[in-house]
Protein backbone atom coordinates (compact mmCIF):
# COMPACT_ATOMS: atom_id res chain seq x y z
CA UNK A 1 40.24 28.85 137.13
CA UNK A 2 37.56 27.43 139.17
CA UNK A 3 37.93 24.47 141.49
CA UNK A 4 36.41 21.69 139.00
CA UNK A 5 38.82 22.82 136.42
CA UNK A 6 41.76 22.28 138.89
CA UNK A 7 40.44 18.91 139.61
CA UNK A 8 40.02 18.21 136.10
CA UNK A 9 43.51 19.24 135.12
CA UNK A 10 45.16 17.30 137.89
CA UNK A 11 44.63 13.74 136.57
CA UNK A 12 45.95 14.88 133.07
CA UNK A 13 49.20 16.54 134.78
CA UNK A 14 49.87 13.30 136.96
CA UNK A 15 50.08 11.16 134.02
CA UNK A 16 51.89 13.20 131.51
CA UNK A 17 53.96 15.68 133.53
CA UNK A 18 56.99 15.17 135.79
CA UNK A 19 56.42 15.99 139.48
CA UNK A 20 58.50 19.26 139.36
CA UNK A 21 56.44 20.59 136.55
CA UNK A 22 53.17 19.40 138.36
CA UNK A 23 54.14 21.39 141.50
CA UNK A 24 54.64 24.36 139.31
CA UNK A 25 51.44 24.24 137.63
CA UNK A 26 49.65 23.75 140.81
CA UNK A 27 51.30 26.80 142.42
CA UNK A 28 50.34 28.93 139.50
CA UNK A 29 46.71 27.78 139.56
CA UNK A 30 46.42 28.60 143.27
CA UNK A 31 48.11 32.09 142.81
CA UNK A 32 45.61 33.00 140.18
CA UNK A 33 42.76 31.89 142.54
CA UNK A 34 44.14 33.90 145.37
CA UNK A 35 44.36 37.09 143.35
CA UNK A 36 40.73 36.73 142.03
CA UNK A 37 39.40 36.38 145.62
CA UNK A 38 41.43 39.32 147.23
CA UNK A 39 40.24 41.83 144.59
CA UNK A 40 36.66 40.86 145.29
CA UNK A 41 36.98 40.90 148.94
CA UNK A 42 38.51 44.44 148.93
CA UNK A 43 35.82 45.78 146.65
CA UNK A 44 33.10 44.47 149.10
CA UNK A 45 34.81 45.96 152.10
CA UNK A 46 35.08 49.40 150.58
CA UNK A 47 31.48 49.39 149.67
CA UNK A 48 30.41 48.51 153.28
CA UNK A 49 32.69 51.13 154.72
CA UNK A 50 31.33 53.70 152.64
CA UNK A 51 27.72 52.60 153.67
CA UNK A 52 28.71 52.85 157.28
CA UNK A 53 30.31 56.37 156.92
CA UNK A 54 27.10 57.55 155.29
CA UNK A 55 24.93 56.12 158.29
CA UNK A 56 27.28 57.73 160.96
CA UNK A 57 27.07 61.29 159.02
CA UNK A 58 23.28 61.12 158.83
CA UNK A 59 22.87 60.17 162.54
CA UNK A 60 25.33 62.88 163.65
CA UNK A 61 23.38 65.55 161.70
CA UNK A 62 19.93 64.53 163.15
CA UNK A 63 21.49 64.50 166.61
CA UNK A 64 23.09 67.89 166.17
CA UNK A 65 19.69 69.38 164.89
CA UNK A 66 17.82 67.96 167.75
CA UNK A 67 20.50 69.42 170.27
CA UNK A 68 20.03 72.94 168.82
CA UNK A 69 16.20 72.83 168.30
CA UNK A 70 15.04 71.30 171.51
CA UNK A 71 15.84 72.76 174.93
CA UNK A 72 18.03 70.94 177.42
CA UNK A 73 16.37 69.00 180.42
CA UNK A 74 15.38 71.86 182.94
CA UNK A 75 16.23 69.88 185.98
CA UNK A 76 17.67 72.52 188.25
CA UNK A 77 18.26 73.15 191.87
CA UNK A 78 15.40 75.46 192.05
CA UNK A 79 12.79 73.18 190.56
CA UNK A 80 13.81 70.54 192.92
CA UNK A 81 13.48 72.90 195.95
CA UNK A 82 10.08 74.04 194.56
CA UNK A 83 8.87 70.57 194.64
CA UNK A 84 10.22 70.32 198.18
CA UNK A 85 8.73 73.07 199.95
CA UNK A 86 5.82 74.02 197.52
CA UNK A 87 7.02 77.57 197.13
CA UNK A 88 5.24 79.67 194.53
CA UNK A 89 5.21 82.95 192.55
CA UNK A 90 3.67 86.05 194.26
CA UNK A 91 3.76 89.79 193.38
CA UNK A 92 6.20 91.19 191.19
CA UNK A 93 8.07 88.19 189.94
CA UNK A 94 9.04 86.93 193.59
CA UNK A 95 8.82 83.40 194.96
CA UNK A 96 7.12 83.27 198.41
CA UNK A 97 5.74 80.39 200.49
CA UNK A 98 2.46 79.38 199.40
CA UNK A 99 0.11 76.47 200.56
CA UNK A 100 0.76 73.28 198.46
CA UNK A 101 -2.04 72.26 195.86
CA UNK A 102 -4.29 69.72 197.42
CA UNK A 103 -3.86 66.28 195.89
CA UNK A 104 -6.05 63.11 196.08
CA UNK A 105 -4.38 60.08 197.85
CA UNK A 106 -4.53 58.02 194.75
CA UNK A 107 -2.89 60.65 192.29
CA UNK A 108 0.79 61.20 192.10
CA UNK A 109 1.69 64.81 192.90
CA UNK A 110 4.10 64.85 190.04
CA UNK A 111 1.82 63.03 187.36
CA UNK A 112 -1.47 64.09 186.29
CA UNK A 113 -3.63 62.32 183.72
CA UNK A 114 -5.97 64.58 181.80
CA UNK A 115 -8.72 62.94 179.63
CA UNK A 116 -9.42 64.58 176.43
CA UNK A 117 -12.12 62.65 174.51
CA UNK A 118 -11.28 59.13 173.91
CA UNK A 119 -7.72 59.43 174.77
CA UNK A 120 -5.64 60.29 177.81
CA UNK A 121 -2.69 62.86 178.21
CA UNK A 122 -0.29 62.25 180.92
CA UNK A 123 1.72 65.40 182.31
CA UNK A 124 4.69 64.87 184.27
CA UNK A 125 7.45 67.22 185.29
CA UNK A 126 9.55 66.35 182.32
CA UNK A 127 6.56 67.02 179.86
CA UNK A 128 7.17 69.94 177.60
CA UNK A 129 4.49 72.12 179.12
CA UNK A 130 5.74 71.57 182.64
CA UNK A 131 9.43 72.41 181.38
CA UNK A 132 8.01 75.69 179.88
CA UNK A 133 6.39 76.61 182.99
CA UNK A 134 9.74 75.77 185.00
CA UNK A 135 11.60 78.01 182.67
CA UNK A 136 9.07 80.80 183.25
CA UNK A 137 9.52 80.52 187.07
CA UNK A 138 13.19 80.75 186.78
CA UNK A 139 12.95 84.12 184.77
CA UNK A 140 10.51 85.81 187.07
CA UNK A 141 11.89 84.24 190.39
CA UNK A 142 13.53 87.33 191.05
CA UNK A 143 12.87 90.89 190.11
CA UNK A 144 12.89 90.33 186.24
CA UNK A 145 14.82 92.36 183.67
CA UNK A 146 13.08 93.69 180.45
CA UNK A 147 14.94 90.69 178.63
CA UNK A 148 13.77 88.20 181.13
CA UNK A 149 10.22 89.55 181.02
CA UNK A 150 10.16 89.36 177.11
CA UNK A 151 11.46 85.73 177.38
CA UNK A 152 8.92 84.84 179.90
CA UNK A 153 6.09 85.98 177.75
CA UNK A 154 7.46 84.20 174.86
CA UNK A 155 7.55 80.83 176.70
CA UNK A 156 3.82 81.60 178.02
CA UNK A 157 2.90 81.72 174.27
CA UNK A 158 4.40 78.42 173.74
CA UNK A 159 2.64 76.93 176.69
CA UNK A 160 -0.49 78.24 175.40
CA UNK A 161 0.25 76.59 172.08
CA UNK A 162 1.22 73.26 173.67
CA UNK A 163 -1.99 73.34 175.89
CA UNK A 164 -4.15 74.18 172.94
CA UNK A 165 -2.63 71.16 170.94
CA UNK A 166 -3.19 68.74 173.68
CA UNK A 167 -6.96 68.25 174.06
CA UNK A 168 -8.02 68.47 177.76
CA UNK A 169 -4.84 70.10 179.04
CA UNK A 170 -5.06 73.70 180.70
CA UNK A 171 -2.64 75.98 182.10
CA UNK A 172 -4.14 75.11 185.55
CA UNK A 173 -3.36 71.34 185.08
CA UNK A 174 0.17 72.38 184.18
CA UNK A 175 0.51 74.55 187.34
CA UNK A 176 -0.89 71.73 189.48
CA UNK A 177 1.66 69.32 188.43
CA UNK A 178 4.50 71.92 188.89
CA UNK A 179 3.14 72.71 192.43
CA UNK A 180 2.48 76.52 191.51
CA UNK A 181 -0.53 78.69 192.43
CA UNK A 182 -2.02 79.74 189.22
CA UNK A 183 -3.13 83.22 190.42
CA UNK A 184 0.47 84.00 191.48
CA UNK A 185 1.61 82.70 188.21
CA UNK A 186 -0.55 85.01 186.07
CA UNK A 187 0.08 88.00 188.43
CA UNK A 188 3.79 87.54 187.62
CA UNK A 189 3.04 87.35 183.89
CA UNK A 190 0.98 90.60 184.09
CA UNK A 191 3.90 92.40 185.62
CA UNK A 192 6.15 91.09 182.97
CA UNK A 193 3.80 92.52 180.30
CA UNK A 194 4.08 95.81 181.80
CA UNK A 195 7.78 95.56 182.48
CA UNK A 196 8.37 94.58 178.79
CA UNK A 197 6.07 97.27 177.44
CA UNK A 198 3.86 94.59 176.09
CA UNK A 199 0.62 96.29 177.39
CA UNK A 200 -1.67 94.61 174.85
CA UNK A 201 -1.04 91.36 176.44
CA UNK A 202 -2.68 92.21 179.68
CA UNK A 203 -6.19 91.74 178.60
CA UNK A 204 -5.36 88.61 176.89
CA UNK A 205 -3.76 87.19 180.19
CA UNK A 206 -6.89 88.26 182.08
CA UNK A 207 -9.05 86.33 179.34
CA UNK A 208 -6.83 83.28 179.67
CA UNK A 209 -7.49 83.21 183.41
CA UNK A 210 -11.21 83.39 182.83
CA UNK A 211 -10.96 80.45 180.17
CA UNK A 212 -8.86 78.49 182.41
CA UNK A 213 -11.10 79.09 185.60
CA UNK A 214 -8.28 80.62 187.43
CA UNK A 215 -9.53 82.88 190.27
CA UNK A 216 -9.14 86.48 189.68
CA UNK A 217 -8.89 89.11 192.61
CA UNK A 218 -9.98 92.60 192.86
CA UNK A 219 -6.38 93.35 193.99
CA UNK A 220 -4.97 91.98 190.76
CA UNK A 221 -7.29 94.10 188.52
CA UNK A 222 -6.56 97.35 190.54
CA UNK A 223 -2.81 96.72 190.67
CA UNK A 224 -2.87 96.48 186.86
CA UNK A 225 -4.84 99.67 186.53
CA UNK A 226 -2.36 101.34 188.81
CA UNK A 227 0.66 100.19 186.71
CA UNK A 228 -0.91 101.13 183.39
CA UNK A 229 -1.67 104.68 184.75
CA UNK A 230 1.91 104.83 185.86
CA UNK A 231 2.69 104.48 182.19
CA UNK A 232 0.19 106.79 181.03
CA UNK A 233 -1.88 104.24 179.44
CA UNK A 234 -5.10 105.65 180.70
CA UNK A 235 -7.24 104.04 178.02
CA UNK A 236 -5.84 100.42 178.66
CA UNK A 237 -6.44 101.15 182.42
CA UNK A 238 -10.01 101.96 181.52
CA UNK A 239 -10.39 98.64 179.60
CA UNK A 240 -9.10 96.77 182.76
CA UNK A 241 -11.82 98.74 184.64
CA UNK A 242 -14.50 97.54 182.47
CA UNK A 243 -13.22 93.94 182.59
CA UNK A 244 -13.29 94.10 186.47
CA UNK A 245 -16.99 95.21 186.46
CA UNK A 246 -17.85 92.54 183.58
CA UNK A 247 -16.07 89.90 186.04
CA UNK A 248 -18.65 90.90 188.74
CA UNK A 249 -16.34 92.70 191.08
CA UNK A 250 -17.46 95.83 192.89
CA UNK A 251 -14.55 98.40 192.71
CA UNK A 252 -13.68 100.53 195.59
CA UNK A 253 -14.21 104.13 195.78
CA UNK A 254 -10.63 104.97 195.21
CA UNK A 255 -10.83 102.76 191.95
CA UNK A 256 -13.76 104.58 190.68
CA UNK A 257 -12.18 108.04 191.20
CA UNK A 258 -8.99 106.99 189.32
CA UNK A 259 -11.33 105.61 186.59
CA UNK A 260 -13.03 109.17 186.41
CA UNK A 261 -9.72 110.71 186.19
CA UNK A 262 -8.64 108.40 183.47
CA UNK A 263 -11.80 108.85 181.30
CA UNK A 264 -11.29 112.66 181.56
CA UNK A 265 -7.62 112.25 180.52
CA UNK A 266 -8.67 110.40 177.35
CA UNK A 267 -11.58 112.80 176.68
CA UNK A 268 -14.23 110.04 176.89
CA UNK A 269 -17.00 112.10 178.65
CA UNK A 270 -19.58 109.09 178.48
CA UNK A 271 -17.16 106.77 180.60
CA UNK A 272 -16.46 109.66 182.95
CA UNK A 273 -19.99 110.43 183.71
CA UNK A 274 -20.57 106.75 184.20
CA UNK A 275 -17.64 106.14 186.48
CA UNK A 276 -18.73 109.40 188.34
CA UNK A 277 -22.28 108.21 188.83
CA UNK A 278 -20.93 104.76 190.13
CA UNK A 279 -18.63 106.61 192.70
CA UNK A 280 -21.45 108.79 193.85
CA UNK A 281 -23.55 105.99 194.61
CA UNK A 282 -20.75 104.30 196.59
CA UNK A 283 -19.64 107.30 198.58
CA UNK A 284 -18.93 110.94 198.51
CA UNK A 285 -16.66 111.61 195.71
CA UNK A 286 -13.26 113.05 196.63
CA UNK A 287 -12.35 116.62 195.73
CA UNK A 288 -9.88 115.10 193.19
CA UNK A 289 -13.08 113.36 191.37
CA UNK A 290 -15.07 116.67 191.37
CA UNK A 291 -12.04 118.69 190.04
CA UNK A 292 -11.56 116.06 187.38
CA UNK A 293 -15.44 116.41 186.25
CA UNK A 294 -15.41 120.07 186.80
CA UNK A 295 -12.45 120.60 184.31
CA UNK A 296 -14.04 118.13 181.72
CA UNK A 297 -17.38 120.32 181.91
CA UNK A 298 -15.35 123.41 181.49
CA UNK A 299 -13.53 122.03 178.48
CA UNK A 300 -16.83 121.72 176.92
CA UNK A 301 -18.29 124.77 178.12
CA UNK A 302 -20.98 123.07 179.73
CA UNK A 303 -22.24 125.58 182.18
CA UNK A 304 -25.51 123.79 183.52
CA UNK A 305 -23.55 120.33 184.15
CA UNK A 306 -20.80 122.37 185.85
CA UNK A 307 -23.12 124.31 188.05
CA UNK A 308 -25.15 121.21 188.89
CA UNK A 309 -22.03 119.47 190.04
CA UNK A 310 -20.91 122.44 191.93
CA UNK A 311 -24.22 122.45 193.91
CA UNK A 312 -23.67 118.63 194.47
CA UNK A 313 -20.42 119.41 196.14
CA UNK A 314 -22.15 122.06 198.32
CA UNK A 315 -24.94 119.64 199.23
CA UNK A 316 -22.48 116.92 200.15
CA UNK A 317 -20.43 119.39 202.37
CA UNK A 318 -17.35 118.94 200.32
CA UNK A 319 -14.86 121.61 201.22
CA UNK A 320 -14.70 123.98 198.23
CA UNK A 321 -11.44 125.73 197.80
CA UNK A 322 -10.17 128.56 195.50
CA UNK A 323 -9.29 126.26 192.76
CA UNK A 324 -12.73 124.69 192.38
CA UNK A 325 -14.30 128.15 192.48
CA UNK A 326 -12.15 129.59 189.93
CA UNK A 327 -12.74 126.67 187.42
CA UNK A 328 -16.52 127.09 187.92
CA UNK A 329 -16.13 130.98 187.26
CA UNK A 330 -13.94 130.18 184.17
CA UNK A 331 -16.46 127.94 182.72
CA UNK A 332 -19.20 130.65 183.30
CA UNK A 333 -17.17 133.49 181.58
CA UNK A 334 -16.00 131.04 178.74
CA UNK A 335 -19.77 130.30 177.98
CA UNK A 336 -20.66 133.83 178.05
CA UNK A 337 -22.63 133.76 181.56
CA UNK A 338 -20.81 136.77 183.13
CA UNK A 339 -23.89 137.54 185.19
CA UNK A 340 -23.91 134.08 186.78
CA UNK A 341 -20.29 134.33 187.35
CA UNK A 342 -20.75 137.67 189.21
CA UNK A 343 -23.57 136.20 191.22
CA UNK A 344 -21.47 133.13 192.33
CA UNK A 345 -18.51 135.53 193.20
CA UNK A 346 -20.94 137.62 195.39
CA UNK A 347 -22.25 134.54 197.06
CA UNK A 348 -18.80 133.59 198.49
CA UNK A 349 -17.75 137.30 199.06
CA UNK A 350 -20.50 138.36 201.13
CA UNK A 351 -20.10 136.19 204.16
CA UNK A 352 -16.30 136.90 204.22
CA UNK A 353 -17.01 140.70 203.82
CA UNK A 354 -19.77 140.47 206.80
CA UNK A 355 -17.29 138.22 209.04
CA UNK A 356 -19.93 135.50 209.04
CA UNK A 357 -17.44 132.77 208.77
CA UNK A 358 -14.17 131.85 210.51
CA UNK A 359 -12.75 130.08 207.56
CA UNK A 360 -10.01 131.77 205.35
CA UNK A 361 -11.60 133.41 202.18
CA UNK A 362 -11.64 131.39 199.03
CA UNK A 363 -12.00 134.22 196.66
CA UNK A 364 -8.53 135.37 195.48
CA UNK A 365 -6.98 137.42 192.92
CA UNK A 366 -7.54 134.93 190.13
CA UNK A 367 -11.41 135.03 190.91
CA UNK A 368 -11.64 138.71 190.27
CA UNK A 369 -9.31 138.38 187.26
CA UNK A 370 -11.76 135.96 185.87
CA UNK A 371 -14.70 138.12 186.43
CA UNK A 372 -12.68 141.28 184.91
CA UNK A 373 -11.94 139.24 181.90
CA UNK A 374 -15.55 138.35 181.31
CA UNK A 375 -16.65 142.12 181.31
CA UNK A 376 -13.58 142.78 179.15
CA UNK A 377 -15.06 140.36 176.47
CA UNK A 378 -18.48 141.80 176.92
CA UNK A 379 -16.99 145.48 176.23
CA UNK A 380 -18.22 146.60 179.76
CA UNK A 381 -15.36 148.74 181.16
CA UNK A 382 -17.47 150.30 183.99
CA UNK A 383 -18.30 146.90 185.43
CA UNK A 384 -14.65 145.68 184.90
CA UNK A 385 -13.39 148.75 186.78
CA UNK A 386 -15.87 148.27 189.61
CA UNK A 387 -14.72 144.81 190.18
CA UNK A 388 -11.17 146.26 190.38
CA UNK A 389 -12.11 148.63 193.20
CA UNK A 390 -13.87 145.89 194.88
CA UNK A 391 -10.86 143.80 194.71
CA UNK A 392 -8.70 146.32 196.26
CA UNK A 393 -11.27 147.10 198.85
CA UNK A 394 -10.89 143.30 199.85
CA UNK A 395 -7.25 143.98 200.55
CA UNK A 396 -6.03 141.94 197.53
CA UNK A 397 -3.15 143.49 195.54
CA UNK A 398 -3.75 143.44 191.76
CA UNK A 399 -1.46 141.72 189.50
CA UNK A 400 0.06 142.76 186.14
CA UNK A 401 -2.66 140.62 184.54
CA UNK A 402 -5.41 142.40 186.45
CA UNK A 403 -4.19 145.72 185.03
CA UNK A 404 -3.74 144.34 181.48
CA UNK A 405 -7.24 142.89 181.66
CA UNK A 406 -8.78 146.12 182.78
CA UNK A 407 -6.80 148.09 180.20
CA UNK A 408 -8.06 145.67 177.55
CA UNK A 409 -11.62 146.40 178.81
CA UNK A 410 -11.05 150.16 178.32
CA UNK A 411 -9.66 149.83 174.85
CA UNK A 412 -12.60 147.54 173.87
CA UNK A 413 -15.01 150.34 175.29
CA UNK A 414 -13.05 152.87 173.24
CA UNK A 415 -12.04 154.63 176.40
CA UNK A 416 -8.24 154.89 175.62
CA UNK A 417 -7.71 157.66 178.29
CA UNK A 418 -8.72 155.28 180.99
CA UNK A 419 -6.37 152.64 179.75
CA UNK A 420 -3.30 155.17 180.13
CA UNK A 421 -4.63 156.06 183.52
CA UNK A 422 -4.58 152.38 184.62
CA UNK A 423 -1.08 152.19 183.33
CA UNK A 424 0.11 155.06 185.53
CA UNK A 425 -1.63 153.23 188.53
CA UNK A 426 0.17 150.10 187.69
CA UNK A 427 3.42 151.85 187.68
CA UNK A 428 2.64 153.37 191.05
CA UNK A 429 2.18 149.88 192.61
CA UNK A 430 5.74 148.97 191.46
CA UNK A 431 4.49 146.74 188.62
CA UNK A 432 6.43 146.71 185.50
CA UNK A 433 4.24 146.42 182.05
CA UNK A 434 5.04 143.63 179.81
CA UNK A 435 4.80 142.90 176.14
CA UNK A 436 0.79 142.37 176.71
CA UNK A 437 0.66 145.94 178.15
CA UNK A 438 2.51 147.28 175.20
CA UNK A 439 0.28 145.53 172.74
CA UNK A 440 -2.97 147.03 174.49
CA UNK A 441 -1.73 150.44 174.73
CA UNK A 442 -0.52 150.33 170.92
CA UNK A 443 -4.28 149.79 170.18
CA UNK A 444 -5.13 152.62 172.79
CA UNK A 445 -2.89 155.01 170.70
CA UNK A 446 -5.16 154.81 167.72
CA UNK A 447 -8.03 156.44 169.97
CA UNK A 448 -5.94 159.08 171.60
CA UNK A 449 -2.62 159.60 169.90
CA UNK A 450 -0.13 161.99 171.58
CA UNK A 451 3.58 162.60 171.58
CA UNK A 452 3.92 161.91 175.20
CA UNK A 453 2.05 158.66 175.13
CA UNK A 454 4.01 157.47 172.08
CA UNK A 455 7.14 157.81 174.07
CA UNK A 456 5.62 156.47 177.22
CA UNK A 457 4.61 153.54 175.24
CA UNK A 458 7.96 152.89 174.00
CA UNK A 459 9.58 153.22 177.39
C-alpha cells in the first residue's frame, strides 16, 4: 500500500485495535512496502548494467579496429637521429650526410603551413604524409631487399594519394619537413622499382619529380638507363633516354652510344639512326656504335647505307678491324653485290700484299670464305676457285667451311669432278669432312656416279 493509505489506516487501528495487534499490522504494511521497492530497484540496476556492458563492448571493438587499421606512431631512433644531423638518402638506398634544407627564421623546421585555396594545411612530423616518408626512409636506409623495395613503393603510392587529397601539399613539402633531400629520395625509389621488378614505375617517378619541381640530374637518368639495360629492358631504357632529351639535358657520347645499341636490340631503326646522328654530331662514334649500325643495316640488307657508314669510318680515321670488314662483306654478298665485295676485299688486300703498311692484315679466312660463298650463290665456280688460290697464296690455311663452300660452288656449276678433287685436297690438309661435305657430295654423285665415289662418300 502507498504511504497515504498507511496514514489513513493508523487512526482507525489506534481506536479499534489493541497495541499488540496494531504493531503486527504496522510491520506487515512495512514489509509489503519494502518488497515492492526492492523489486523495482533490482530491475533498474539490471537495465543500467546491460547498457554499460553494451557501451563497453562497442568501445572496445572500435578501439581494436583503429589499432589494426592505423599504423603505430613511427617515432623511432633513426628518425630522431635524422632530425639531429640532417642525414638523407643518396644512391642505392643508403643514408649519407647531406646539407640540411634551408629554413626561414620565422618557420619551425618541423612544422610547415601549406596554403591550399582558402584553407591552410599544417604538416608536422606526426602527420600521416610525414609518417609515410619516415617509413620509406627506414625501409631503404640500408641495401633494400625485394620485399622492402615493394613495401617502399606501396608506401609511396599512399604518400602520393595523401598529397593529392590535401590541397597544396607536395612531396617536396613533406621532404622539407622530414629534413630529406627530394632528389636522393626519388633516386632511392627508382632503385627500389628496379630491385622489385616494377620497371613501369620508373617513368611515373620521373613524371612526379617534374610535377613536384624536384631537380633532375643527368646522372640520375643515365643510372636508370644503365640498370634497365642490365635487366635487358632496352625499350624502357630508350624511353628514359627520350625523357632525358625532353627534359633539356645533353646526353654524353657514351649515353648516345648506348642508346644506339639499345635501339638496334629492339629493332627500332628510326631511333637507332636518330641516336647515331646525335652521337656523330657530338664526337666520333666508337667502334661499338659503328658495329651496332653496321649489323642493323646488314640485317636489312641495306648495302648503300652500309657502305656509306663504312666510308664514314675511314673518313674519321676509325680503326677498322676484321670484324667490321667481314660484316660489310657479308652485307654485300647477302644483297647480291658480289663484285662490290670483291673490290672491297682487293682494296684491303693489295696494300698488305705490296707491304705498304706495317699494320697486321685485317683480311682473314672468314673474309675469303664470304667471297667464295657469294660466287657459289652466283654459280661461278671459276671465280670461287680463284679466290681459294688467292687465299692460300696469302699464307692463310683454308678451313673445312672453305672447302665445303668451294665444293658447293662446283656442284652448283655442274662440275662434280671438281668437287671430288676438292675433297681429296681437303683430306690431304688433314681436314675431316663433316655432314655438310656428305650432303654436297651426294648431290655431286648425281652428276658423276661411280662405285668408288659412292664408297668414298660413305667413308
